Amino acid sequence: MNDDSLKQPEKRRGDRRRARTRAEILEAARQVFARRGYHDASIAEITEQADLAVGTFYLYFRDKDEAFTTVLQEGFRETIEQVKQAVAREAGERTLAVVIRAIFRYAYHQRDLFRVALMAGGEFARITRAQDAIEEVLTTALDEAPAQPELARYDQPLLVRFVTGMVLQGIIWWFEQETPDPDGMTEQLLMLLHYGLPAQFITGNTSES
């Protein structure tokens, strides 16, 4: 047995240990950013949350901003994959209703990630990470849906942006409220999309035609 074969198991153990430490730092950073906001969070607080030395942080991330960006990038990459998997399990085709329900169900349990993106920093580029993640799965749903002549009247990118905005507002609602649950939130949004608002509410015209 040569030296290289002896070193391989040790290298794999070291890689796994470093991966665990990196994941612990990112999880701690996510919690601290969600609780304190980007500007008030500190590296010392993140490492305290992770029960690690401050110096360990700098072995993995250059500064607080890099950790913040990584939390969002990796978090929303996982969000997209989880939602796509949920949609694939629930239905053969990606209908808008199925996708919205999957987004709400996942986002409800990942509120801290959305809080970090939408509330922690305030910078437009960071806020759009949450928006982009939702738009990606909604766009895929519309692209893969059977052709609908009625949709030709709509500007699809604008339609996706409108629906994304409503989904995000539903998620933001959960920052302060526990209800409705994901299925209830889905029902409210789908009812609005399907039936719209009463004409009298929009125009103020109470006269019957």
N, C-alpha and C. Protein backbone atom coordinates (compact mmCIF):
# COMPACT_ATOMS: atom_id res chain seq x y z
N MET A 1 0.86 -1.21 0.00
CA MET A 1 0.00 0.00 0.00
C MET A 1 0.89 1.25 0.00
N ASN A 2 0.69 2.11 -1.01
CA ASN A 2 1.55 3.29 -1.10
C ASN A 2 1.01 4.43 -0.25
N ASP A 3 1.82 5.48 -0.16
CA ASP A 3 1.45 6.62 0.68
C ASP A 3 0.19 7.31 0.19
N ASP A 4 0.01 7.36 -1.15
CA ASP A 4 -1.17 8.04 -1.70
C ASP A 4 -2.47 7.36 -1.26
N SER A 5 -2.48 6.03 -1.25
CA SER A 5 -3.69 5.31 -0.85
C SER A 5 -4.00 5.53 0.63
N LEU A 6 -2.97 5.74 1.43
CA LEU A 6 -3.18 6.02 2.85
C LEU A 6 -3.71 7.43 3.07
N LYS A 7 -3.31 8.34 2.20
CA LYS A 7 -3.70 9.74 2.35
C LYS A 7 -5.14 10.00 1.90
N GLN A 8 -5.67 9.16 1.00
CA GLN A 8 -6.99 9.41 0.44
C GLN A 8 -8.09 9.43 1.50
N PRO A 9 -8.19 8.40 2.39
CA PRO A 9 -9.24 8.47 3.43
C PRO A 9 -9.11 9.70 4.32
N GLU A 10 -7.89 10.07 4.64
CA GLU A 10 -7.68 11.25 5.48
C GLU A 10 -8.13 12.51 4.77
N LYS A 11 -7.85 12.57 3.45
CA LYS A 11 -8.28 13.73 2.67
C LYS A 11 -9.80 13.81 2.61
N ARG A 12 -10.47 12.67 2.42
CA ARG A 12 -11.93 12.67 2.36
C ARG A 12 -12.53 13.10 3.69
N ARG A 13 -11.92 12.65 4.80
CA ARG A 13 -12.42 13.07 6.11
C ARG A 13 -12.26 14.58 6.29
N GLY A 14 -11.11 15.09 5.84
CA GLY A 14 -10.87 16.53 5.94
C GLY A 14 -11.85 17.32 5.10
N ASP A 15 -12.15 16.80 3.89
CA ASP A 15 -13.11 17.49 3.02
C ASP A 15 -14.49 17.52 3.66
N ARG A 16 -14.89 16.39 4.24
CA ARG A 16 -16.21 16.33 4.89
C ARG A 16 -16.27 17.27 6.09
N ARG A 17 -15.19 17.35 6.84
CA ARG A 17 -15.14 18.22 8.01
C ARG A 17 -15.24 19.68 7.57
N ARG A 18 -14.51 20.04 6.51
CA ARG A 18 -14.57 21.42 6.03
C ARG A 18 -15.96 21.76 5.48
N ALA A 19 -16.57 20.81 4.80
CA ALA A 19 -17.92 21.04 4.27
C ALA A 19 -18.92 21.25 5.41
N ARG A 20 -18.78 20.46 6.49
CA ARG A 20 -19.68 20.63 7.64
C ARG A 20 -19.48 21.99 8.29
N THR A 21 -18.22 22.40 8.44
CA THR A 21 -17.94 23.69 9.07
C THR A 21 -18.50 24.83 8.22
N ARG A 22 -18.31 24.74 6.92
CA ARG A 22 -18.84 25.77 6.03
C ARG A 22 -20.36 25.84 6.13
N ALA A 23 -21.01 24.68 6.15
CA ALA A 23 -22.48 24.64 6.27
C ALA A 23 -22.93 25.23 7.59
N GLU A 24 -22.19 24.96 8.66
CA GLU A 24 -22.54 25.50 9.98
C GLU A 24 -22.42 27.02 9.98
N ILE A 25 -21.41 27.55 9.34
CA ILE A 25 -21.25 29.01 9.27
C ILE A 25 -22.41 29.62 8.49
N LEU A 26 -22.76 29.02 7.35
CA LEU A 26 -23.84 29.57 6.53
C LEU A 26 -25.18 29.49 7.25
N GLU A 27 -25.44 28.42 7.97
CA GLU A 27 -26.69 28.31 8.72
C GLU A 27 -26.74 29.35 9.83
N ALA A 28 -25.63 29.53 10.51
CA ALA A 28 -25.57 30.55 11.56
C ALA A 28 -25.75 31.94 10.96
N ALA A 29 -25.10 32.20 9.84
CA ALA A 29 -25.22 33.50 9.18
C ALA A 29 -26.66 33.77 8.77
N ARG A 30 -27.31 32.75 8.25
CA ARG A 30 -28.71 32.89 7.83
C ARG A 30 -29.59 33.28 9.02
N GLN A 31 -29.38 32.64 10.14
CA GLN A 31 -30.18 32.95 11.34
C GLN A 31 -29.90 34.36 11.86
N VAL A 32 -28.63 34.73 11.87
CA VAL A 32 -28.26 36.05 12.39
C VAL A 32 -28.75 37.15 11.45
N PHE A 33 -28.59 36.97 10.14
CA PHE A 33 -29.07 37.97 9.19
C PHE A 33 -30.59 38.12 9.28
N ALA A 34 -31.29 37.00 9.44
CA ALA A 34 -32.75 37.06 9.54
C ALA A 34 -33.19 37.78 10.81
N ARG A 35 -32.43 37.59 11.88
CA ARG A 35 -32.80 38.17 13.17
C ARG A 35 -32.35 39.62 13.31
N ARG A 36 -31.17 39.93 12.79
CA ARG A 36 -30.56 41.24 13.05
C ARG A 36 -30.56 42.16 11.84
N GLY A 37 -30.73 41.59 10.64
CA GLY A 37 -30.55 42.39 9.44
C GLY A 37 -29.09 42.41 9.03
N TYR A 38 -28.85 42.74 7.78
CA TYR A 38 -27.48 42.69 7.26
C TYR A 38 -26.57 43.68 8.00
N HIS A 39 -27.00 44.91 8.13
CA HIS A 39 -26.11 45.94 8.65
C HIS A 39 -25.79 45.76 10.13
N ASP A 40 -26.73 45.24 10.91
CA ASP A 40 -26.50 45.07 12.34
C ASP A 40 -25.85 43.73 12.69
N ALA A 41 -25.83 42.82 11.75
CA ALA A 41 -25.18 41.52 12.00
C ALA A 41 -23.67 41.70 12.00
N SER A 42 -22.99 40.88 12.79
CA SER A 42 -21.53 40.95 12.83
C SER A 42 -20.96 39.55 12.67
N ILE A 43 -19.72 39.50 12.22
CA ILE A 43 -19.04 38.22 12.08
C ILE A 43 -18.89 37.56 13.44
N ALA A 44 -18.64 38.36 14.47
CA ALA A 44 -18.51 37.80 15.82
C ALA A 44 -19.80 37.11 16.25
N GLU A 45 -20.94 37.72 15.92
CA GLU A 45 -22.22 37.12 16.30
C GLU A 45 -22.48 35.84 15.51
N ILE A 46 -22.08 35.86 14.23
CA ILE A 46 -22.26 34.66 13.39
C ILE A 46 -21.43 33.50 13.93
N THR A 47 -20.17 33.77 14.27
CA THR A 47 -19.32 32.69 14.77
C THR A 47 -19.76 32.23 16.16
N GLU A 48 -20.28 33.14 16.94
CA GLU A 48 -20.82 32.73 18.24
C GLU A 48 -22.02 31.82 18.06
N GLN A 49 -22.88 32.17 17.09
CA GLN A 49 -24.05 31.33 16.81
C GLN A 49 -23.61 29.94 16.35
N ALA A 50 -22.52 29.89 15.57
CA ALA A 50 -22.03 28.61 15.06
C ALA A 50 -21.12 27.89 16.04
N ASP A 51 -20.80 28.56 17.17
CA ASP A 51 -19.90 28.01 18.18
C ASP A 51 -18.52 27.72 17.58
N LEU A 52 -18.01 28.72 16.86
CA LEU A 52 -16.70 28.61 16.22
C LEU A 52 -15.89 29.86 16.54
N ALA A 53 -14.59 29.76 16.36
CA ALA A 53 -13.72 30.92 16.55
C ALA A 53 -13.89 31.89 15.38
N VAL A 54 -13.71 33.17 15.65
CA VAL A 54 -13.85 34.18 14.60
C VAL A 54 -12.89 33.89 13.46
N GLY A 55 -11.69 33.47 13.78
CA GLY A 55 -10.70 33.19 12.74
C GLY A 55 -11.16 32.10 11.79
N THR A 56 -11.98 31.17 12.26
CA THR A 56 -12.46 30.10 11.39
C THR A 56 -13.32 30.65 10.27
N PHE A 57 -14.08 31.71 10.56
CA PHE A 57 -14.93 32.32 9.54
C PHE A 57 -14.10 32.71 8.33
N TYR A 58 -12.93 33.31 8.58
CA TYR A 58 -12.12 33.84 7.48
C TYR A 58 -11.41 32.75 6.68
N LEU A 59 -11.47 31.52 7.14
CA LEU A 59 -10.94 30.41 6.34
C LEU A 59 -11.91 30.05 5.21
N TYR A 60 -13.16 30.51 5.33
CA TYR A 60 -14.19 30.13 4.36
C TYR A 60 -14.78 31.32 3.59
N PHE A 61 -14.79 32.48 4.23
CA PHE A 61 -15.40 33.65 3.60
C PHE A 61 -14.52 34.87 3.81
N ARG A 62 -14.46 35.70 2.78
CA ARG A 62 -13.61 36.89 2.82
C ARG A 62 -14.13 37.91 3.82
N ASP A 63 -15.47 38.10 3.84
CA ASP A 63 -16.06 39.09 4.72
C ASP A 63 -17.55 38.79 4.90
N LYS A 64 -18.22 39.65 5.61
CA LYS A 64 -19.66 39.46 5.88
C LYS A 64 -20.46 39.47 4.59
N ASP A 65 -20.09 40.35 3.66
CA ASP A 65 -20.83 40.47 2.42
C ASP A 65 -20.77 39.18 1.62
N GLU A 66 -19.63 38.54 1.58
CA GLU A 66 -19.52 37.28 0.83
C GLU A 66 -20.38 36.19 1.47
N ALA A 67 -20.41 36.14 2.79
CA ALA A 67 -21.26 35.17 3.48
C ALA A 67 -22.73 35.46 3.18
N PHE A 68 -23.10 36.72 3.21
CA PHE A 68 -24.48 37.12 2.94
C PHE A 68 -24.90 36.71 1.52
N THR A 69 -24.04 37.02 0.57
CA THR A 69 -24.33 36.68 -0.83
C THR A 69 -24.43 35.17 -1.01
N THR A 70 -23.56 34.42 -0.35
CA THR A 70 -23.58 32.96 -0.47
C THR A 70 -24.84 32.38 0.14
N VAL A 71 -25.28 32.92 1.27
CA VAL A 71 -26.53 32.46 1.88
C VAL A 71 -27.68 32.57 0.88
N LEU A 72 -27.75 33.70 0.18
CA LEU A 72 -28.83 33.90 -0.78
C LEU A 72 -28.67 33.03 -2.02
N GLN A 73 -27.46 32.99 -2.58
CA GLN A 73 -27.24 32.22 -3.80
C GLN A 73 -27.55 30.75 -3.59
N GLU A 74 -26.97 30.16 -2.55
CA GLU A 74 -27.15 28.74 -2.32
C GLU A 74 -28.56 28.44 -1.80
N GLY A 75 -29.10 29.34 -1.00
CA GLY A 75 -30.45 29.14 -0.48
C GLY A 75 -31.49 29.12 -1.58
N PHE A 76 -31.42 30.07 -2.51
CA PHE A 76 -32.42 30.11 -3.56
C PHE A 76 -32.17 29.08 -4.65
N ARG A 77 -30.92 28.66 -4.83
CA ARG A 77 -30.66 27.54 -5.74
C ARG A 77 -31.36 26.29 -5.21
N GLU A 78 -31.26 26.08 -3.91
CA GLU A 78 -31.93 24.94 -3.29
C GLU A 78 -33.45 25.11 -3.37
N THR A 79 -33.93 26.34 -3.17
CA THR A 79 -35.36 26.60 -3.26
C THR A 79 -35.91 26.19 -4.61
N ILE A 80 -35.23 26.60 -5.66
CA ILE A 80 -35.69 26.28 -7.02
C ILE A 80 -35.75 24.76 -7.22
N GLU A 81 -34.71 24.07 -6.80
CA GLU A 81 -34.67 22.62 -6.97
C GLU A 81 -35.75 21.93 -6.16
N GLN A 82 -35.96 22.38 -4.92
CA GLN A 82 -36.98 21.78 -4.07
C GLN A 82 -38.37 21.99 -4.65
N VAL A 83 -38.64 23.17 -5.14
CA VAL A 83 -39.95 23.45 -5.72
C VAL A 83 -40.16 22.61 -6.98
N LYS A 84 -39.14 22.52 -7.82
CA LYS A 84 -39.27 21.71 -9.05
C LYS A 84 -39.52 20.24 -8.71
N GLN A 85 -38.83 19.74 -7.70
CA GLN A 85 -39.04 18.35 -7.29
C GLN A 85 -40.45 18.14 -6.75
N ALA A 86 -40.92 19.11 -5.95
CA ALA A 86 -42.27 19.01 -5.40
C ALA A 86 -43.31 19.02 -6.51
N VAL A 87 -43.11 19.86 -7.50
CA VAL A 87 -44.04 19.94 -8.63
C VAL A 87 -44.03 18.62 -9.41
N ALA A 88 -42.85 18.07 -9.62
CA ALA A 88 -42.74 16.81 -10.36
C ALA A 88 -43.45 15.67 -9.64
N ARG A 89 -43.41 15.69 -8.30
CA ARG A 89 -44.08 14.64 -7.54
C ARG A 89 -45.59 14.80 -7.55
N GLU A 90 -46.06 16.04 -7.62
CA GLU A 90 -47.48 16.31 -7.44
C GLU A 90 -48.29 16.21 -8.72
N ALA A 91 -47.68 16.50 -9.83
CA ALA A 91 -48.45 16.49 -11.08
C ALA A 91 -47.53 16.26 -12.26
N GLY A 92 -48.10 15.73 -13.32
CA GLY A 92 -47.31 15.46 -14.51
C GLY A 92 -46.93 16.73 -15.25
N GLU A 93 -47.80 17.73 -15.23
CA GLU A 93 -47.49 18.98 -15.90
C GLU A 93 -47.46 20.11 -14.89
N ARG A 94 -46.67 21.12 -15.19
CA ARG A 94 -46.45 22.20 -14.24
C ARG A 94 -47.53 23.27 -14.40
N THR A 95 -48.71 23.00 -13.92
CA THR A 95 -49.76 24.01 -13.97
C THR A 95 -49.42 25.12 -12.98
N LEU A 96 -49.97 26.28 -13.25
CA LEU A 96 -49.68 27.44 -12.40
C LEU A 96 -50.13 27.18 -10.97
N ALA A 97 -51.28 26.54 -10.80
CA ALA A 97 -51.79 26.27 -9.46
C ALA A 97 -50.85 25.36 -8.69
N VAL A 98 -50.34 24.33 -9.34
CA VAL A 98 -49.43 23.39 -8.68
C VAL A 98 -48.13 24.09 -8.29
N VAL A 99 -47.61 24.93 -9.17
CA VAL A 99 -46.35 25.63 -8.90
C VAL A 99 -46.52 26.62 -7.75
N ILE A 100 -47.60 27.39 -7.76
CA ILE A 100 -47.82 28.37 -6.68
C ILE A 100 -47.94 27.65 -5.34
N ARG A 101 -48.68 26.55 -5.31
CA ARG A 101 -48.82 25.80 -4.06
C ARG A 101 -47.46 25.28 -3.58
N ALA A 102 -46.65 24.76 -4.50
CA ALA A 102 -45.34 24.24 -4.12
C ALA A 102 -44.44 25.36 -3.59
N ILE A 103 -44.49 26.54 -4.22
CA ILE A 103 -43.68 27.66 -3.75
C ILE A 103 -44.10 28.05 -2.33
N PHE A 104 -45.40 28.19 -2.10
CA PHE A 104 -45.88 28.60 -0.78
C PHE A 104 -45.53 27.56 0.28
N ARG A 105 -45.68 26.29 -0.05
CA ARG A 105 -45.38 25.25 0.94
C ARG A 105 -43.91 25.27 1.34
N TYR A 106 -43.04 25.44 0.35
CA TYR A 106 -41.61 25.46 0.67
C TYR A 106 -41.24 26.76 1.37
N ALA A 107 -41.73 27.88 0.86
CA ALA A 107 -41.37 29.18 1.42
C ALA A 107 -41.83 29.33 2.86
N TYR A 108 -42.95 28.70 3.21
CA TYR A 108 -43.48 28.80 4.57
C TYR A 108 -42.46 28.27 5.58
N HIS A 109 -41.76 27.24 5.20
CA HIS A 109 -40.76 26.65 6.10
C HIS A 109 -39.36 27.25 5.91
N GLN A 110 -39.23 28.16 4.93
CA GLN A 110 -37.96 28.81 4.67
C GLN A 110 -38.11 30.33 4.80
N ARG A 111 -38.98 30.75 5.72
CA ARG A 111 -39.24 32.18 5.85
C ARG A 111 -38.00 32.98 6.20
N ASP A 112 -37.10 32.37 6.96
CA ASP A 112 -35.90 33.12 7.33
C ASP A 112 -35.06 33.47 6.11
N LEU A 113 -35.00 32.57 5.11
CA LEU A 113 -34.25 32.86 3.88
C LEU A 113 -34.87 34.05 3.15
N PHE A 114 -36.19 34.05 3.03
CA PHE A 114 -36.86 35.16 2.35
C PHE A 114 -36.75 36.45 3.17
N ARG A 115 -36.76 36.32 4.48
CA ARG A 115 -36.58 37.50 5.32
C ARG A 115 -35.20 38.11 5.09
N VAL A 116 -34.18 37.26 4.98
CA VAL A 116 -32.83 37.75 4.71
C VAL A 116 -32.80 38.49 3.38
N ALA A 117 -33.40 37.92 2.35
CA ALA A 117 -33.36 38.53 1.02
C ALA A 117 -34.17 39.80 0.94
N LEU A 118 -35.35 39.81 1.56
CA LEU A 118 -36.28 40.91 1.37
C LEU A 118 -36.16 42.01 2.42
N MET A 119 -35.65 41.67 3.60
CA MET A 119 -35.66 42.63 4.69
C MET A 119 -34.27 42.95 5.24
N ALA A 120 -33.33 42.02 5.10
CA ALA A 120 -32.07 42.17 5.82
C ALA A 120 -31.15 43.23 5.26
N GLY A 121 -31.13 43.37 3.93
CA GLY A 121 -30.17 44.30 3.35
C GLY A 121 -30.81 45.52 2.73
N GLY A 122 -31.88 45.29 2.00
CA GLY A 122 -32.56 46.39 1.36
C GLY A 122 -32.01 46.74 -0.01
N GLU A 123 -30.83 46.23 -0.39
CA GLU A 123 -30.27 46.54 -1.69
C GLU A 123 -31.09 45.84 -2.76
N PHE A 124 -31.34 46.55 -3.87
CA PHE A 124 -32.21 46.02 -4.92
C PHE A 124 -31.69 44.70 -5.47
N ALA A 125 -30.38 44.60 -5.69
CA ALA A 125 -29.81 43.38 -6.28
C ALA A 125 -30.08 42.17 -5.40
N ARG A 126 -30.08 42.37 -4.08
CA ARG A 126 -30.31 41.25 -3.18
C ARG A 126 -31.79 40.88 -3.14
N ILE A 127 -32.64 41.87 -3.16
CA ILE A 127 -34.07 41.61 -3.15
C ILE A 127 -34.48 40.82 -4.40
N THR A 128 -33.86 41.13 -5.53
CA THR A 128 -34.26 40.45 -6.76
C THR A 128 -33.86 38.99 -6.79
N ARG A 129 -33.00 38.53 -5.90
CA ARG A 129 -32.68 37.10 -5.86
C ARG A 129 -33.93 36.29 -5.53
N ALA A 130 -34.72 36.73 -4.58
CA ALA A 130 -35.97 36.04 -4.25
C ALA A 130 -36.93 36.12 -5.42
N GLN A 131 -37.02 37.28 -6.01
CA GLN A 131 -37.91 37.48 -7.15
C GLN A 131 -37.51 36.57 -8.31
N ASP A 132 -36.22 36.52 -8.61
CA ASP A 132 -35.73 35.70 -9.73
C ASP A 132 -36.02 34.23 -9.52
N ALA A 133 -35.88 33.75 -8.28
CA ALA A 133 -36.12 32.33 -8.00
C ALA A 133 -37.57 31.98 -8.28
N ILE A 134 -38.50 32.83 -7.86
CA ILE A 134 -39.92 32.56 -8.09
C ILE A 134 -40.26 32.70 -9.57
N GLU A 135 -39.72 33.72 -10.22
CA GLU A 135 -40.00 33.92 -11.64
C GLU A 135 -39.53 32.75 -12.48
N GLU A 136 -38.42 32.13 -12.09
CA GLU A 136 -37.90 31.01 -12.87
C GLU A 136 -38.89 29.86 -12.92
N VAL A 137 -39.43 29.49 -11.77
CA VAL A 137 -40.35 28.34 -11.76
C VAL A 137 -41.71 28.70 -12.36
N LEU A 138 -42.15 29.95 -12.20
CA LEU A 138 -43.41 30.36 -12.82
C LEU A 138 -43.29 30.40 -14.34
N THR A 139 -42.17 30.90 -14.83
CA THR A 139 -41.94 30.95 -16.28
C THR A 139 -41.91 29.55 -16.86
N THR A 140 -41.25 28.63 -16.18
CA THR A 140 -41.20 27.24 -16.64
C THR A 140 -42.60 26.65 -16.71
N ALA A 141 -43.43 26.96 -15.70
CA ALA A 141 -44.81 26.44 -15.69
C ALA A 141 -45.58 26.92 -16.91
N LEU A 142 -45.46 28.21 -17.24
CA LEU A 142 -46.18 28.75 -18.39
C LEU A 142 -45.61 28.20 -19.70
N ASP A 143 -44.30 28.04 -19.77
CA ASP A 143 -43.68 27.55 -21.00
C ASP A 143 -44.07 26.10 -21.28
N GLU A 144 -44.25 25.31 -20.22
CA GLU A 144 -44.54 23.89 -20.39
C GLU A 144 -46.03 23.58 -20.42
N ALA A 145 -46.86 24.58 -20.13
CA ALA A 145 -48.31 24.36 -20.14
C ALA A 145 -48.80 24.22 -21.58
N PRO A 146 -49.90 23.45 -21.78
CA PRO A 146 -50.49 23.37 -23.12
C PRO A 146 -50.83 24.76 -23.64
N ALA A 147 -50.77 24.92 -24.94
CA ALA A 147 -51.04 26.22 -25.54
C ALA A 147 -52.43 26.72 -25.15
N GLN A 148 -52.50 27.94 -24.70
CA GLN A 148 -53.75 28.56 -24.28
C GLN A 148 -53.96 29.83 -25.13
N PRO A 149 -54.90 29.79 -26.08
CA PRO A 149 -55.11 30.98 -26.93
C PRO A 149 -55.38 32.24 -26.11
N GLU A 150 -56.06 32.06 -24.95
CA GLU A 150 -56.39 33.23 -24.14
C GLU A 150 -55.15 33.95 -23.63
N LEU A 151 -54.05 33.20 -23.42
CA LEU A 151 -52.83 33.80 -22.90
C LEU A 151 -52.14 34.70 -23.91
N ALA A 152 -52.52 34.59 -25.19
CA ALA A 152 -51.90 35.41 -26.21
C ALA A 152 -52.16 36.89 -25.97
N ARG A 153 -53.20 37.20 -25.21
CA ARG A 153 -53.54 38.60 -24.92
C ARG A 153 -52.60 39.20 -23.88
N TYR A 154 -51.86 38.36 -23.19
CA TYR A 154 -51.03 38.83 -22.08
C TYR A 154 -49.57 38.95 -22.50
N ASP A 155 -48.89 39.89 -21.89
CA ASP A 155 -47.44 40.00 -21.99
C ASP A 155 -46.89 39.02 -20.95
N GLN A 156 -46.36 37.88 -21.40
CA GLN A 156 -46.01 36.82 -20.45
C GLN A 156 -44.99 37.25 -19.41
N PRO A 157 -43.87 37.90 -19.79
CA PRO A 157 -42.92 38.32 -18.75
C PRO A 157 -43.56 39.25 -17.71
N LEU A 158 -44.46 40.14 -18.18
CA LEU A 158 -45.14 41.04 -17.25
C LEU A 158 -46.12 40.26 -16.37
N LEU A 159 -46.81 39.29 -16.96
CA LEU A 159 -47.72 38.45 -16.19
C LEU A 159 -46.97 37.71 -15.09
N VAL A 160 -45.82 37.14 -15.44
CA VAL A 160 -45.00 36.43 -14.45
C VAL A 160 -44.58 37.38 -13.34
N ARG A 161 -44.21 38.61 -13.70
CA ARG A 161 -43.78 39.58 -12.69
C ARG A 161 -44.94 39.94 -11.75
N PHE A 162 -46.14 40.11 -12.31
CA PHE A 162 -47.30 40.41 -11.46
C PHE A 162 -47.56 39.28 -10.47
N VAL A 163 -47.59 38.04 -10.97
CA VAL A 163 -47.87 36.90 -10.10
C VAL A 163 -46.76 36.74 -9.06
N THR A 164 -45.52 36.95 -9.49
CA THR A 164 -44.39 36.87 -8.55
C THR A 164 -44.57 37.87 -7.41
N GLY A 165 -44.99 39.09 -7.76
CA GLY A 165 -45.21 40.10 -6.73
C GLY A 165 -46.25 39.68 -5.72
N MET A 166 -47.32 39.05 -6.19
CA MET A 166 -48.36 38.58 -5.27
C MET A 166 -47.85 37.45 -4.39
N VAL A 167 -47.08 36.54 -4.98
CA VAL A 167 -46.50 35.45 -4.20
C VAL A 167 -45.57 36.01 -3.12
N LEU A 168 -44.73 36.96 -3.49
CA LEU A 168 -43.80 37.54 -2.51
C LEU A 168 -44.54 38.25 -1.39
N GLN A 169 -45.61 38.93 -1.71
CA GLN A 169 -46.37 39.60 -0.66
C GLN A 169 -47.01 38.59 0.29
N GLY A 170 -47.42 37.44 -0.25
CA GLY A 170 -47.92 36.38 0.62
C GLY A 170 -46.86 35.87 1.57
N ILE A 171 -45.64 35.72 1.06
CA ILE A 171 -44.53 35.26 1.90
C ILE A 171 -44.19 36.31 2.96
N ILE A 172 -44.17 37.58 2.57
CA ILE A 172 -43.89 38.66 3.52
C ILE A 172 -44.95 38.69 4.62
N TRP A 173 -46.18 38.38 4.27
CA TRP A 173 -47.25 38.32 5.27
C TRP A 173 -46.87 37.39 6.41
N TRP A 174 -46.19 36.29 6.08
CA TRP A 174 -45.81 35.31 7.09
C TRP A 174 -44.69 35.79 8.02
N PHE A 175 -44.05 36.88 7.68
CA PHE A 175 -43.03 37.41 8.59
C PHE A 175 -43.65 37.83 9.92
N GLU A 176 -44.92 38.23 9.87
CA GLU A 176 -45.60 38.70 11.07
C GLU A 176 -46.81 37.85 11.45
N GLN A 177 -47.32 37.06 10.50
CA GLN A 177 -48.54 36.29 10.73
C GLN A 177 -48.27 34.80 10.44
N GLU A 178 -48.93 33.93 11.19
CA GLU A 178 -48.78 32.50 10.97
C GLU A 178 -49.84 31.94 10.02
N THR A 179 -50.95 32.64 9.90
CA THR A 179 -52.04 32.15 9.07
C THR A 179 -52.36 33.17 7.98
N PRO A 180 -52.92 32.73 6.85
CA PRO A 180 -53.29 31.35 6.53
C PRO A 180 -52.07 30.46 6.28
N ASP A 181 -52.28 29.15 6.33
CA ASP A 181 -51.20 28.22 6.06
C ASP A 181 -50.93 28.20 4.55
N PRO A 182 -49.92 27.48 4.08
CA PRO A 182 -49.59 27.52 2.64
C PRO A 182 -50.75 27.17 1.72
N ASP A 183 -51.55 26.17 2.09
CA ASP A 183 -52.69 25.83 1.23
C ASP A 183 -53.74 26.93 1.24
N GLY A 184 -53.96 27.54 2.42
CA GLY A 184 -54.90 28.65 2.50
C GLY A 184 -54.43 29.86 1.71
N MET A 185 -53.12 30.14 1.76
CA MET A 185 -52.56 31.25 1.00
C MET A 185 -52.69 30.99 -0.50
N THR A 186 -52.45 29.74 -0.89
CA THR A 186 -52.60 29.37 -2.29
C THR A 186 -54.03 29.56 -2.75
N GLU A 187 -54.99 29.14 -1.94
CA GLU A 187 -56.40 29.28 -2.28
C GLU A 187 -56.78 30.74 -2.48
N GLN A 188 -56.31 31.62 -1.60
CA GLN A 188 -56.61 33.04 -1.72
C GLN A 188 -56.06 33.63 -3.02
N LEU A 189 -54.82 33.30 -3.33
CA LEU A 189 -54.21 33.85 -4.54
C LEU A 189 -54.86 33.30 -5.80
N LEU A 190 -55.13 31.98 -5.82
CA LEU A 190 -55.76 31.39 -7.00
C LEU A 190 -57.17 31.93 -7.21
N MET A 191 -57.89 32.18 -6.12
CA MET A 191 -59.23 32.76 -6.23
C MET A 191 -59.16 34.15 -6.88
N LEU A 192 -58.16 34.93 -6.47
CA LEU A 192 -58.00 36.26 -7.05
C LEU A 192 -57.64 36.16 -8.53
N LEU A 193 -56.73 35.24 -8.86
CA LEU A 193 -56.32 35.08 -10.26
C LEU A 193 -57.47 34.56 -11.11
N HIS A 194 -58.25 33.65 -10.56
CA HIS A 194 -59.30 33.00 -11.34
C HIS A 194 -60.53 33.89 -11.51
N TYR A 195 -60.96 34.52 -10.44
CA TYR A 195 -62.21 35.28 -10.48
C TYR A 195 -62.01 36.79 -10.56
N GLY A 196 -60.82 37.25 -10.19
CA GLY A 196 -60.60 38.69 -10.15
C GLY A 196 -61.37 39.33 -9.01
N LEU A 197 -61.46 40.64 -9.04
CA LEU A 197 -62.22 41.40 -8.04
C LEU A 197 -63.55 41.83 -8.64
N PRO A 198 -64.56 42.02 -7.81
CA PRO A 198 -65.85 42.50 -8.33
C PRO A 198 -65.67 43.82 -9.07
N ALA A 199 -66.35 43.95 -10.18
CA ALA A 199 -66.22 45.16 -11.00
C ALA A 199 -66.54 46.41 -10.21
N GLN A 200 -67.54 46.34 -9.33
CA GLN A 200 -67.92 47.51 -8.55
C GLN A 200 -66.79 47.96 -7.63
N PHE A 201 -66.01 47.01 -7.15
CA PHE A 201 -64.90 47.34 -6.28
C PHE A 201 -63.83 48.11 -7.04
N ILE A 202 -63.66 47.79 -8.33
CA ILE A 202 -62.62 48.42 -9.13
C ILE A 202 -63.07 49.76 -9.67
N THR A 203 -64.27 49.83 -10.21
CA THR A 203 -64.72 51.05 -10.88
C THR A 203 -65.53 51.97 -9.98
N GLY A 204 -66.11 51.40 -8.91
CA GLY A 204 -66.97 52.21 -8.05
C GLY A 204 -68.34 52.42 -8.62
N ASN A 205 -68.64 51.79 -9.76
CA ASN A 205 -69.93 51.94 -10.41
C ASN A 205 -70.91 50.94 -9.82
N THR A 206 -71.88 51.41 -9.11
CA THR A 206 -72.85 50.51 -8.45
C THR A 206 -74.09 50.27 -9.29
N SER A 207 -74.19 50.94 -10.43
CA SER A 207 -75.37 50.76 -11.27
C SER A 207 -75.29 49.45 -12.02
N GLU A 208 -76.40 48.78 -12.20
CA GLU A 208 -76.43 47.51 -12.91
C GLU A 208 -76.55 47.79 -14.40
N SER A 209 -75.85 46.97 -15.16
CA SER A 209 -75.92 47.15 -16.61
C SER A 209 -77.19 46.53 -17.15
